[in-house]
Amino acid sequence: MMDPDYLPFHANPSKPAFKAPEGAVDAHCHVFGPADKFPYHPKRKYTPCDASKEKLFELRDYLGFSRNVIVQASCHGTDNAALIDALESAGELARGVAVVDPAISEDELRAMDAAGVRAVRFNFVKRLVDTTPKEVFLSIAEKIKPLGWHIVVYFEAPDLEELTPFLNELNTTIVVDHMGRPDVTKGVDHPDFQRFIDLMKNNDKIWTKVSCPERLTQTPPDYSDVVPFAKTLVETFPDRVLWGTDWPHPNMKSHTPDDGQLVDVIPQIAPTAELQQKLLIDNPMRLYWS
């Protein structure tokens, strides 16, 4: 059973007014369960509602997108079976980001690669996962190097200063989830967000997802307070930004996001056809499909 305070995904999202360019990629979304086939991890910090691959692919088509990058969520731990199943169903229309155990074998990694996994995710959000020693992450980073995979990292803004030396030490392509979760009440010019911009300026291997205004906003479902942050990153680093829905929006407390409304934020953060092409097609295709 899902947690009593868990908000399920929107049953009837609106049709977006923005028409995504042909071939657009939703580069951050998840599948959960179904639990009777793919049980949740016994040590998980939350229990979501089931969110099947069929629902995900239906939403992809409804929103006018062509492909997905499906990210392993912490509620499934290092059991990537639901993710692999979704990738095998989607074929060339999806790629994956896995969460792996440091003891994983080369054969297991190669099998994941064949299924479409192209990255591992390191989660530093303390309310979602137990703390993992940095040495463990470094050993995983070494194991995936021969496959050419990159690393997706999830952290919150207060942790950036402490993590910066580690991120640079990884010395590989890194994608930071959700802009490093800035506190939008502080504004774009605040030293906290400038620190994130400096991180990207000083290390051209670091990318970011300009996603999740629904998690960062103080005024849901009006996401205008998040737009300046995402727009700044899209315009400053047009070749190192990705966008995703974050469907089915695990652990939302403030509101249930309307996925159509989230898509309609795209032209506000990427105002030109050229920026939209890079954000939604060129960048994700280069990172996940080339």
C-alpha atoms as a PDB file:
ATOM      1  CA  MET A   1       0.000   0.000   0.000  1.00  0.00           C
ATOM      2  CA  MET A   2       1.261   3.470  -0.798  1.00  0.00           C
ATOM      3  CA  ASP A   3       2.007   5.892   2.038  1.00  0.00           C
ATOM      4  CA  PRO A   4      -1.174   7.550   3.362  1.00  0.00           C
ATOM      5  CA  ASP A   5       0.122  11.054   2.546  1.00  0.00           C
ATOM      6  CA  TYR A   6       1.458  10.090  -0.905  1.00  0.00           C
ATOM      7  CA  LEU A   7      -0.025  12.105  -3.792  1.00  0.00           C
ATOM      8  CA  PRO A   8      -0.683   9.926  -6.874  1.00  0.00           C
ATOM      9  CA  PHE A   9       0.091  11.319 -10.330  1.00  0.00           C
ATOM     10  CA  HIS A  10      -2.467  13.452 -12.189  1.00  0.00           C
ATOM     11  CA  ALA A  11      -5.194  11.247 -13.665  1.00  0.00           C
ATOM     12  CA  ASN A  12      -6.167  13.685 -16.448  1.00  0.00           C
ATOM     13  CA  PRO A  13      -3.328  16.057 -17.363  1.00  0.00           C
ATOM     14  CA  SER A  14      -4.148  18.912 -19.707  1.00  0.00           C
ATOM     15  CA  LYS A  15      -3.035  18.914 -23.330  1.00  0.00           C
ATOM     16  CA  PRO A  16      -0.055  21.283 -23.523  1.00  0.00           C
ATOM     17  CA  ALA A  17      -0.400  24.424 -25.633  1.00  0.00           C
ATOM     18  CA  PHE A  18       3.309  24.128 -26.485  1.00  0.00           C
ATOM     19  CA  LYS A  19       4.012  21.709 -29.321  1.00  0.00           C
ATOM     20  CA  ALA A  20       7.326  19.989 -28.735  1.00  0.00           C
ATOM     21  CA  PRO A  21       9.561  19.597 -31.802  1.00  0.00           C
ATOM     22  CA  GLU A  22       9.394  16.218 -33.535  1.00  0.00           C
ATOM     23  CA  GLY A  23      11.656  13.751 -31.707  1.00  0.00           C
ATOM     24  CA  ALA A  24      11.564  15.475 -28.304  1.00  0.00           C
ATOM     25  CA  VAL A  25      12.923  13.567 -25.298  1.00  0.00           C
ATOM     26  CA  ASP A  26      11.504  13.508 -21.762  1.00  0.00           C
ATOM     27  CA  ALA A  27      14.904  13.027 -20.119  1.00  0.00           C
ATOM     28  CA  HIS A  28      13.770  12.443 -16.534  1.00  0.00           C
ATOM     29  CA  CYS A  29      10.902  10.145 -15.561  1.00  0.00           C
ATOM     30  CA  HIS A  30      10.379   6.965 -13.552  1.00  0.00           C
ATOM     31  CA  VAL A  31       8.483   3.679 -13.445  1.00  0.00           C
ATOM     32  CA  PHE A  32       7.235   2.293 -10.118  1.00  0.00           C
ATOM     33  CA  GLY A  33       6.261  -1.356  -9.879  1.00  0.00           C
ATOM     34  CA  PRO A  34       3.645  -2.570 -10.358  1.00  0.00           C
ATOM     35  CA  ALA A  35       4.485  -3.867  -6.878  1.00  0.00           C
ATOM     36  CA  ASP A  36       2.948  -7.315  -7.436  1.00  0.00           C
ATOM     37  CA  LYS A  37       5.503  -7.863 -10.243  1.00  0.00           C
ATOM     38  CA  PHE A  38       8.376  -5.589  -9.186  1.00  0.00           C
ATOM     39  CA  PRO A  39       8.297  -5.236  -5.372  1.00  0.00           C
ATOM     40  CA  TYR A  40       9.577  -2.071  -3.701  1.00  0.00           C
ATOM     41  CA  HIS A  41      12.821  -2.221  -1.750  1.00  0.00           C
ATOM     42  CA  PRO A  42      12.354  -3.332   1.895  1.00  0.00           C
ATOM     43  CA  LYS A  43      14.528  -0.441   3.178  1.00  0.00           C
ATOM     44  CA  ARG A  44      12.827   2.255   1.063  1.00  0.00           C
ATOM     45  CA  LYS A  45      12.088   5.651   2.624  1.00  0.00           C
ATOM     46  CA  TYR A  46       8.687   5.954   0.892  1.00  0.00           C
ATOM     47  CA  THR A  47       6.086   3.742  -0.774  1.00  0.00           C
ATOM     48  CA  PRO A  48       4.642   5.258  -3.970  1.00  0.00           C
ATOM     49  CA  CYS A  49       1.589   4.353  -5.998  1.00  0.00           C
ATOM     50  CA  ASP A  50       2.279   2.030  -8.922  1.00  0.00           C
ATOM     51  CA  ALA A  51       3.248   3.900 -12.096  1.00  0.00           C
ATOM     52  CA  SER A  52       3.586   1.415 -14.935  1.00  0.00           C
ATOM     53  CA  LYS A  53       5.559   1.577 -18.176  1.00  0.00           C
ATOM     54  CA  GLU A  54       2.269   1.540 -20.075  1.00  0.00           C
ATOM     55  CA  LYS A  55       1.116   4.703 -18.286  1.00  0.00           C
ATOM     56  CA  LEU A  56       4.482   6.346 -18.928  1.00  0.00           C
ATOM     57  CA  PHE A  57       4.460   5.595 -22.660  1.00  0.00           C
ATOM     58  CA  GLU A  58       0.828   6.727 -22.918  1.00  0.00           C
ATOM     59  CA  LEU A  59       1.785  10.049 -21.298  1.00  0.00           C
ATOM     60  CA  ARG A  60       4.806  10.407 -23.621  1.00  0.00           C
ATOM     61  CA  ASP A  61       2.544  10.181 -26.658  1.00  0.00           C
ATOM     62  CA  TYR A  62      -0.163  12.389 -25.154  1.00  0.00           C
ATOM     63  CA  LEU A  63       2.304  15.201 -24.381  1.00  0.00           C
ATOM     64  CA  GLY A  64       3.770  15.042 -27.892  1.00  0.00           C
ATOM     65  CA  PHE A  65       7.142  13.525 -26.981  1.00  0.00           C
ATOM     66  CA  SER A  66       8.988  10.705 -28.762  1.00  0.00           C
ATOM     67  CA  ARG A  67      11.440   9.235 -26.268  1.00  0.00           C
ATOM     68  CA  ASN A  68      12.091   8.792 -22.541  1.00  0.00           C
ATOM     69  CA  VAL A  69      15.087   8.585 -20.272  1.00  0.00           C
ATOM     70  CA  ILE A  70      13.843   6.487 -17.353  1.00  0.00           C
ATOM     71  CA  VAL A  71      15.637   7.007 -14.045  1.00  0.00           C
ATOM     72  CA  GLN A  72      15.785   4.394 -11.291  1.00  0.00           C
ATOM     73  CA  ALA A  73      14.100   5.783  -8.181  1.00  0.00           C
ATOM     74  CA  SER A  74      15.206   5.121  -4.606  1.00  0.00           C
ATOM     75  CA  CYS A  75      12.058   3.158  -3.689  1.00  0.00           C
ATOM     76  CA  HIS A  76      13.356   0.280  -5.857  1.00  0.00           C
ATOM     77  CA  GLY A  77      16.873   0.438  -4.385  1.00  0.00           C
ATOM     78  CA  THR A  78      19.457  -1.341  -6.551  1.00  0.00           C
ATOM     79  CA  ASP A  79      16.884  -3.742  -8.032  1.00  0.00           C
ATOM     80  CA  ASN A  80      16.570  -2.315 -11.548  1.00  0.00           C
ATOM     81  CA  ALA A  81      14.148  -4.989 -12.814  1.00  0.00           C
ATOM     82  CA  ALA A  82      11.209  -2.608 -13.417  1.00  0.00           C
ATOM     83  CA  LEU A  83      13.517  -0.187 -15.228  1.00  0.00           C
ATOM     84  CA  ILE A  84      15.044  -2.904 -17.438  1.00  0.00           C
ATOM     85  CA  ASP A  85      11.584  -4.269 -18.233  1.00  0.00           C
ATOM     86  CA  ALA A  86      10.427  -0.810 -19.361  1.00  0.00           C
ATOM     87  CA  LEU A  87      13.569  -0.320 -21.475  1.00  0.00           C
ATOM     88  CA  GLU A  88      13.146  -3.684 -23.176  1.00  0.00           C
ATOM     89  CA  SER A  89       9.518  -2.829 -23.984  1.00  0.00           C
ATOM     90  CA  ALA A  90      10.422   0.594 -25.406  1.00  0.00           C
ATOM     91  CA  GLY A  91      13.426  -0.530 -27.464  1.00  0.00           C
ATOM     92  CA  GLU A  92      15.078   2.453 -29.165  1.00  0.00           C
ATOM     93  CA  LEU A  93      12.508   4.860 -27.698  1.00  0.00           C
ATOM     94  CA  ALA A  94      13.992   4.782 -24.183  1.00  0.00           C
ATOM     95  CA  ARG A  95      17.291   4.834 -22.333  1.00  0.00           C
ATOM     96  CA  GLY A  96      17.890   4.244 -18.626  1.00  0.00           C
ATOM     97  CA  VAL A  97      19.739   5.503 -15.579  1.00  0.00           C
ATOM     98  CA  ALA A  98      20.364   2.729 -13.037  1.00  0.00           C
ATOM     99  CA  VAL A  99      21.242   2.599  -9.335  1.00  0.00           C
ATOM    100  CA  VAL A 100      23.791  -0.128  -8.756  1.00  0.00           C
ATOM    101  CA  ASP A 101      25.432  -1.967  -5.901  1.00  0.00           C
ATOM    102  CA  PRO A 102      29.233  -1.548  -5.685  1.00  0.00           C
ATOM    103  CA  ALA A 103      29.581  -5.335  -5.932  1.00  0.00           C
ATOM    104  CA  ILE A 104      27.901  -5.422  -9.377  1.00  0.00           C
ATOM    105  CA  SER A 105      29.752  -7.575 -11.910  1.00  0.00           C
ATOM    106  CA  GLU A 106      30.995  -6.579 -15.356  1.00  0.00           C
ATOM    107  CA  ASP A 107      28.570  -9.081 -16.891  1.00  0.00           C
ATOM    108  CA  GLU A 108      25.611  -7.476 -15.094  1.00  0.00           C
ATOM    109  CA  LEU A 109      26.717  -4.027 -16.266  1.00  0.00           C
ATOM    110  CA  ARG A 110      27.066  -5.255 -19.860  1.00  0.00           C
ATOM    111  CA  ALA A 111      23.562  -6.761 -19.727  1.00  0.00           C
ATOM    112  CA  MET A 112      22.198  -3.409 -18.499  1.00  0.00           C
ATOM    113  CA  ASP A 113      24.059  -1.636 -21.284  1.00  0.00           C
ATOM    114  CA  ALA A 114      22.486  -3.963 -23.848  1.00  0.00           C
ATOM    115  CA  ALA A 115      19.040  -3.139 -22.424  1.00  0.00           C
ATOM    116  CA  GLY A 116      19.659   0.598 -22.836  1.00  0.00           C
ATOM    117  CA  VAL A 117      21.151   1.791 -19.545  1.00  0.00           C
ATOM    118  CA  ARG A 118      23.613   4.626 -20.163  1.00  0.00           C
ATOM    119  CA  ALA A 119      24.280   6.048 -16.685  1.00  0.00           C
ATOM    120  CA  VAL A 120      24.216   5.416 -12.946  1.00  0.00           C
ATOM    121  CA  ARG A 121      22.595   7.692 -10.391  1.00  0.00           C
ATOM    122  CA  PHE A 122      24.229   8.793  -7.151  1.00  0.00           C
ATOM    123  CA  ASN A 123      21.677  10.129  -4.661  1.00  0.00           C
ATOM    124  CA  PHE A 124      22.855  12.467  -1.899  1.00  0.00           C
ATOM    125  CA  VAL A 125      19.421  13.577  -0.688  1.00  0.00           C
ATOM    126  CA  LYS A 126      19.472  12.508   2.939  1.00  0.00           C
ATOM    127  CA  ARG A 127      15.703  12.252   3.358  1.00  0.00           C
ATOM    128  CA  LEU A 128      15.559   9.735   0.487  1.00  0.00           C
ATOM    129  CA  VAL A 129      18.605   7.516   1.039  1.00  0.00           C
ATOM    130  CA  ASP A 130      21.103   6.488   3.689  1.00  0.00           C
ATOM    131  CA  THR A 131      24.492   8.154   3.342  1.00  0.00           C
ATOM    132  CA  THR A 132      26.958   6.265   1.142  1.00  0.00           C
ATOM    133  CA  PRO A 133      30.736   6.720   1.557  1.00  0.00           C
ATOM    134  CA  LYS A 134      32.330   8.609  -1.365  1.00  0.00           C
ATOM    135  CA  GLU A 135      34.782   5.724  -1.912  1.00  0.00           C
ATOM    136  CA  VAL A 136      31.836   3.500  -2.853  1.00  0.00           C
ATOM    137  CA  PHE A 137      30.706   5.963  -5.501  1.00  0.00           C
ATOM    138  CA  LEU A 138      34.269   6.312  -6.825  1.00  0.00           C
ATOM    139  CA  SER A 139      34.566   2.534  -7.194  1.00  0.00           C
ATOM    140  CA  ILE A 140      31.285   2.407  -9.156  1.00  0.00           C
ATOM    141  CA  ALA A 141      32.503   5.289 -11.343  1.00  0.00           C
ATOM    142  CA  GLU A 142      35.603   3.239 -12.220  1.00  0.00           C
ATOM    143  CA  LYS A 143      33.507   0.163 -13.061  1.00  0.00           C
ATOM    144  CA  ILE A 144      31.272   1.999 -15.551  1.00  0.00           C
ATOM    145  CA  LYS A 145      34.096   3.838 -17.368  1.00  0.00           C
ATOM    146  CA  PRO A 146      34.727   1.059 -19.938  1.00  0.00           C
ATOM    147  CA  LEU A 147      31.044   1.290 -20.988  1.00  0.00           C
ATOM    148  CA  GLY A 148      31.205   5.046 -21.604  1.00  0.00           C
ATOM    149  CA  TRP A 149      28.350   5.686 -19.161  1.00  0.00           C
ATOM    150  CA  HIS A 150      27.934   8.981 -17.325  1.00  0.00           C
ATOM    151  CA  ILE A 151      26.807   9.765 -13.783  1.00  0.00           C
ATOM    152  CA  VAL A 152      23.574  11.439 -12.700  1.00  0.00           C
ATOM    153  CA  VAL A 153      23.731  13.112  -9.286  1.00  0.00           C
ATOM    154  CA  TYR A 154      20.892  14.263  -7.068  1.00  0.00           C
ATOM    155  CA  PHE A 155      21.582  16.657  -4.204  1.00  0.00           C
ATOM    156  CA  GLU A 156      20.110  19.757  -2.593  1.00  0.00           C
ATOM    157  CA  ALA A 157      21.609  23.259  -2.770  1.00  0.00           C
ATOM    158  CA  PRO A 158      23.081  23.334   0.792  1.00  0.00           C
ATOM    159  CA  ASP A 159      25.194  20.250  -0.044  1.00  0.00           C
ATOM    160  CA  LEU A 160      26.836  21.693  -3.173  1.00  0.00           C
ATOM    161  CA  GLU A 161      29.843  23.301  -1.513  1.00  0.00           C
ATOM    162  CA  GLU A 162      30.793  20.072   0.258  1.00  0.00           C
ATOM    163  CA  LEU A 163      30.212  17.951  -2.882  1.00  0.00           C
ATOM    164  CA  THR A 164      32.091  20.132  -5.402  1.00  0.00           C
ATOM    165  CA  PRO A 165      35.568  18.552  -4.879  1.00  0.00           C
ATOM    166  CA  PHE A 166      34.029  15.072  -5.206  1.00  0.00           C
ATOM    167  CA  LEU A 167      32.165  15.977  -8.413  1.00  0.00           C
ATOM    168  CA  ASN A 168      35.371  17.291  -9.944  1.00  0.00           C
ATOM    169  CA  GLU A 169      37.257  14.193  -8.765  1.00  0.00           C
ATOM    170  CA  LEU A 170      34.867  11.953 -10.731  1.00  0.00           C
ATOM    171  CA  ASN A 171      36.409  13.404 -13.910  1.00  0.00           C
ATOM    172  CA  THR A 172      33.594  12.207 -16.153  1.00  0.00           C
ATOM    173  CA  THR A 173      30.337  13.513 -17.604  1.00  0.00           C
ATOM    174  CA  ILE A 174      27.942  14.353 -14.761  1.00  0.00           C
ATOM    175  CA  VAL A 175      24.283  15.365 -15.003  1.00  0.00           C
ATOM    176  CA  VAL A 176      22.908  17.249 -12.001  1.00  0.00           C
ATOM    177  CA  ASP A 177      19.220  16.603 -11.358  1.00  0.00           C
ATOM    178  CA  HIS A 178      16.788  19.520 -11.044  1.00  0.00           C
ATOM    179  CA  MET A 179      19.358  22.363 -11.189  1.00  0.00           C
ATOM    180  CA  GLY A 180      20.828  21.233  -7.859  1.00  0.00           C
ATOM    181  CA  ARG A 181      17.519  22.129  -6.193  1.00  0.00           C
ATOM    182  CA  PRO A 182      18.041  25.880  -5.614  1.00  0.00           C
ATOM    183  CA  ASP A 183      16.075  27.810  -3.019  1.00  0.00           C
ATOM    184  CA  VAL A 184      14.129  30.017  -5.444  1.00  0.00           C
ATOM    185  CA  THR A 185      13.180  32.496  -2.718  1.00  0.00           C
ATOM    186  CA  LYS A 186      16.815  33.662  -2.711  1.00  0.00           C
ATOM    187  CA  GLY A 187      16.862  34.702  -6.374  1.00  0.00           C
ATOM    188  CA  VAL A 188      19.164  33.938  -9.286  1.00  0.00           C
ATOM    189  CA  ASP A 189      21.862  36.377  -8.121  1.00  0.00           C
ATOM    190  CA  HIS A 190      22.224  34.814  -4.668  1.00  0.00           C
ATOM    191  CA  PRO A 191      25.679  33.276  -3.970  1.00  0.00           C
ATOM    192  CA  ASP A 192      24.084  29.818  -3.638  1.00  0.00           C
ATOM    193  CA  PHE A 193      22.861  29.718  -7.249  1.00  0.00           C
ATOM    194  CA  GLN A 194      25.946  31.546  -8.497  1.00  0.00           C
ATOM    195  CA  ARG A 195      27.994  28.730  -6.923  1.00  0.00           C
ATOM    196  CA  PHE A 196      26.111  26.259  -9.104  1.00  0.00           C
ATOM    197  CA  ILE A 197      26.685  28.387 -12.222  1.00  0.00           C
ATOM    198  CA  ASP A 198      30.380  28.572 -11.319  1.00  0.00           C
ATOM    199  CA  LEU A 199      30.498  24.780 -10.963  1.00  0.00           C
ATOM    200  CA  MET A 200      29.225  24.430 -14.546  1.00  0.00           C
ATOM    201  CA  LYS A 201      31.479  27.205 -15.846  1.00  0.00           C
ATOM    202  CA  ASN A 202      34.567  25.654 -14.267  1.00  0.00           C
ATOM    203  CA  ASN A 203      33.853  22.075 -15.353  1.00  0.00           C
ATOM    204  CA  ASP A 204      32.569  21.568 -18.893  1.00  0.00           C
ATOM    205  CA  LYS A 205      31.762  17.918 -18.117  1.00  0.00           C
ATOM    206  CA  ILE A 206      28.861  18.953 -15.876  1.00  0.00           C
ATOM    207  CA  TRP A 207      25.348  19.115 -17.342  1.00  0.00           C
ATOM    208  CA  THR A 208      22.031  19.770 -15.607  1.00  0.00           C
ATOM    209  CA  LYS A 209      18.335  19.027 -15.923  1.00  0.00           C
ATOM    210  CA  VAL A 210      16.226  22.206 -15.899  1.00  0.00           C
ATOM    211  CA  SER A 211      13.343  20.158 -14.520  1.00  0.00           C
ATOM    212  CA  CYS A 212      11.006  20.045 -11.527  1.00  0.00           C
ATOM    213  CA  PRO A 213       9.613  23.554 -11.144  1.00  0.00           C
ATOM    214  CA  GLU A 214       6.818  21.808  -9.225  1.00  0.00           C
ATOM    215  CA  ARG A 215       9.346  20.830  -6.504  1.00  0.00           C
ATOM    216  CA  LEU A 216      11.053  24.214  -6.306  1.00  0.00           C
ATOM    217  CA  THR A 217       8.182  26.697  -6.595  1.00  0.00           C
ATOM    218  CA  GLN A 218       6.705  28.579  -3.668  1.00  0.00           C
ATOM    219  CA  THR A 219       3.525  29.396  -5.630  1.00  0.00           C
ATOM    220  CA  PRO A 220       2.103  26.162  -7.097  1.00  0.00           C
ATOM    221  CA  PRO A 221       0.794  25.623  -9.691  1.00  0.00           C
ATOM    222  CA  ASP A 222       2.266  28.919 -10.959  1.00  0.00           C
ATOM    223  CA  TYR A 223       5.911  28.149 -11.691  1.00  0.00           C
ATOM    224  CA  SER A 224       7.015  31.647 -12.677  1.00  0.00           C
ATOM    225  CA  ASP A 225       9.323  31.932  -9.650  1.00  0.00           C
ATOM    226  CA  VAL A 226      11.413  29.015 -10.997  1.00  0.00           C
ATOM    227  CA  VAL A 227      11.572  30.213 -14.628  1.00  0.00           C
ATOM    228  CA  PRO A 228      14.509  32.662 -14.177  1.00  0.00           C
ATOM    229  CA  PHE A 229      16.716  29.882 -12.758  1.00  0.00           C
ATOM    230  CA  ALA A 230      16.042  27.443 -15.592  1.00  0.00           C
ATOM    231  CA  LYS A 231      16.181  30.148 -18.278  1.00  0.00           C
ATOM    232  CA  THR A 232      19.568  31.348 -17.000  1.00  0.00           C
ATOM    233  CA  LEU A 233      20.994  27.829 -17.272  1.00  0.00           C
ATOM    234  CA  VAL A 234      19.484  27.159 -20.717  1.00  0.00           C
ATOM    235  CA  GLU A 235      20.855  30.424 -22.101  1.00  0.00           C
ATOM    236  CA  THR A 236      24.281  30.141 -20.403  1.00  0.00           C
ATOM    237  CA  PHE A 237      24.883  26.437 -21.120  1.00  0.00           C
ATOM    238  CA  PRO A 238      22.672  25.649 -24.148  1.00  0.00           C
ATOM    239  CA  ASP A 239      24.608  22.477 -25.017  1.00  0.00           C
ATOM    240  CA  ARG A 240      24.577  20.977 -21.494  1.00  0.00           C
ATOM    241  CA  VAL A 241      20.931  21.137 -20.438  1.00  0.00           C
ATOM    242  CA  LEU A 242      18.189  18.487 -20.445  1.00  0.00           C
ATOM    243  CA  TRP A 243      14.486  18.621 -19.610  1.00  0.00           C
ATOM    244  CA  GLY A 244      12.123  16.061 -18.100  1.00  0.00           C
ATOM    245  CA  THR A 245       8.654  15.744 -16.600  1.00  0.00           C
ATOM    246  CA  ASP A 246       9.746  13.828 -13.471  1.00  0.00           C
ATOM    247  CA  TRP A 247       6.547  11.772 -13.891  1.00  0.00           C
ATOM    248  CA  PRO A 248       5.030  10.311 -11.706  1.00  0.00           C
ATOM    249  CA  HIS A 249       6.336  13.040  -9.349  1.00  0.00           C
ATOM    250  CA  PRO A 250       7.266  10.993  -6.257  1.00  0.00           C
ATOM    251  CA  ASN A 251       6.963  12.581  -2.813  1.00  0.00           C
ATOM    252  CA  MET A 252       5.134  15.728  -3.879  1.00  0.00           C
ATOM    253  CA  LYS A 253       3.492  17.352  -0.865  1.00  0.00           C
ATOM    254  CA  SER A 254       2.244  20.749  -2.077  1.00  0.00           C
ATOM    255  CA  HIS A 255       0.125  19.725  -5.095  1.00  0.00           C
ATOM    256  CA  THR A 256      -0.346  17.155  -7.854  1.00  0.00           C
ATOM    257  CA  PRO A 257       1.426  18.544 -10.928  1.00  0.00           C
ATOM    258  CA  ASP A 258      -0.413  18.709 -14.250  1.00  0.00           C
ATOM    259  CA  ASP A 259       2.080  17.340 -16.793  1.00  0.00           C
ATOM    260  CA  GLY A 260       0.581  19.473 -19.569  1.00  0.00           C
ATOM    261  CA  GLN A 261       1.288  22.595 -17.507  1.00  0.00           C
ATOM    262  CA  LEU A 262       4.877  21.441 -16.952  1.00  0.00           C
ATOM    263  CA  VAL A 263       5.386  21.117 -20.719  1.00  0.00           C
ATOM    264  CA  ASP A 264       4.035  24.648 -21.132  1.00  0.00           C
ATOM    265  CA  VAL A 265       6.907  25.962 -18.999  1.00  0.00           C
ATOM    266  CA  ILE A 266       9.395  24.904 -21.735  1.00  0.00           C
ATOM    267  CA  PRO A 267       8.962  27.954 -24.031  1.00  0.00           C
ATOM    268  CA  GLN A 268       9.382  30.225 -20.999  1.00  0.00           C
ATOM    269  CA  ILE A 269      12.788  28.730 -20.153  1.00  0.00           C
ATOM    270  CA  ALA A 270      13.905  28.038 -23.753  1.00  0.00           C
ATOM    271  CA  PRO A 271      12.298  30.905 -25.667  1.00  0.00           C
ATOM    272  CA  THR A 272      13.741  30.233 -29.152  1.00  0.00           C
ATOM    273  CA  ALA A 273      13.319  27.295 -31.530  1.00  0.00           C
ATOM    274  CA  GLU A 274      17.109  26.827 -31.489  1.00  0.00           C
ATOM    275  CA  LEU A 275      17.248  26.529 -27.689  1.00  0.00           C
ATOM    276  CA  GLN A 276      14.250  24.167 -27.691  1.00  0.00           C
ATOM    277  CA  GLN A 277      15.941  21.971 -30.301  1.00  0.00           C
ATOM    278  CA  LYS A 278      19.085  21.681 -28.157  1.00  0.00           C
ATOM    279  CA  LEU A 279      17.210  21.172 -24.868  1.00  0.00           C
ATOM    280  CA  LEU A 280      14.709  18.594 -26.091  1.00  0.00           C
ATOM    281  CA  ILE A 281      16.498  16.775 -28.929  1.00  0.00           C
ATOM    282  CA  ASP A 282      20.160  17.491 -29.669  1.00  0.00           C
ATOM    283  CA  ASN A 283      21.499  17.294 -26.102  1.00  0.00           C
ATOM    284  CA  PRO A 284      19.634  14.172 -24.906  1.00  0.00           C
ATOM    285  CA  MET A 285      20.268  12.378 -28.206  1.00  0.00           C
ATOM    286  CA  ARG A 286      23.994  13.109 -27.959  1.00  0.00           C
ATOM    287  CA  LEU A 287      24.190  11.943 -24.348  1.00  0.00           C
ATOM    288  CA  TYR A 288      21.931   8.872 -24.445  1.00  0.00           C
ATOM    289  CA  TRP A 289      21.626   7.669 -28.043  1.00  0.00           C
ATOM    290  CA  SER A 290      24.944   8.391 -29.784  1.00  0.00           C
END
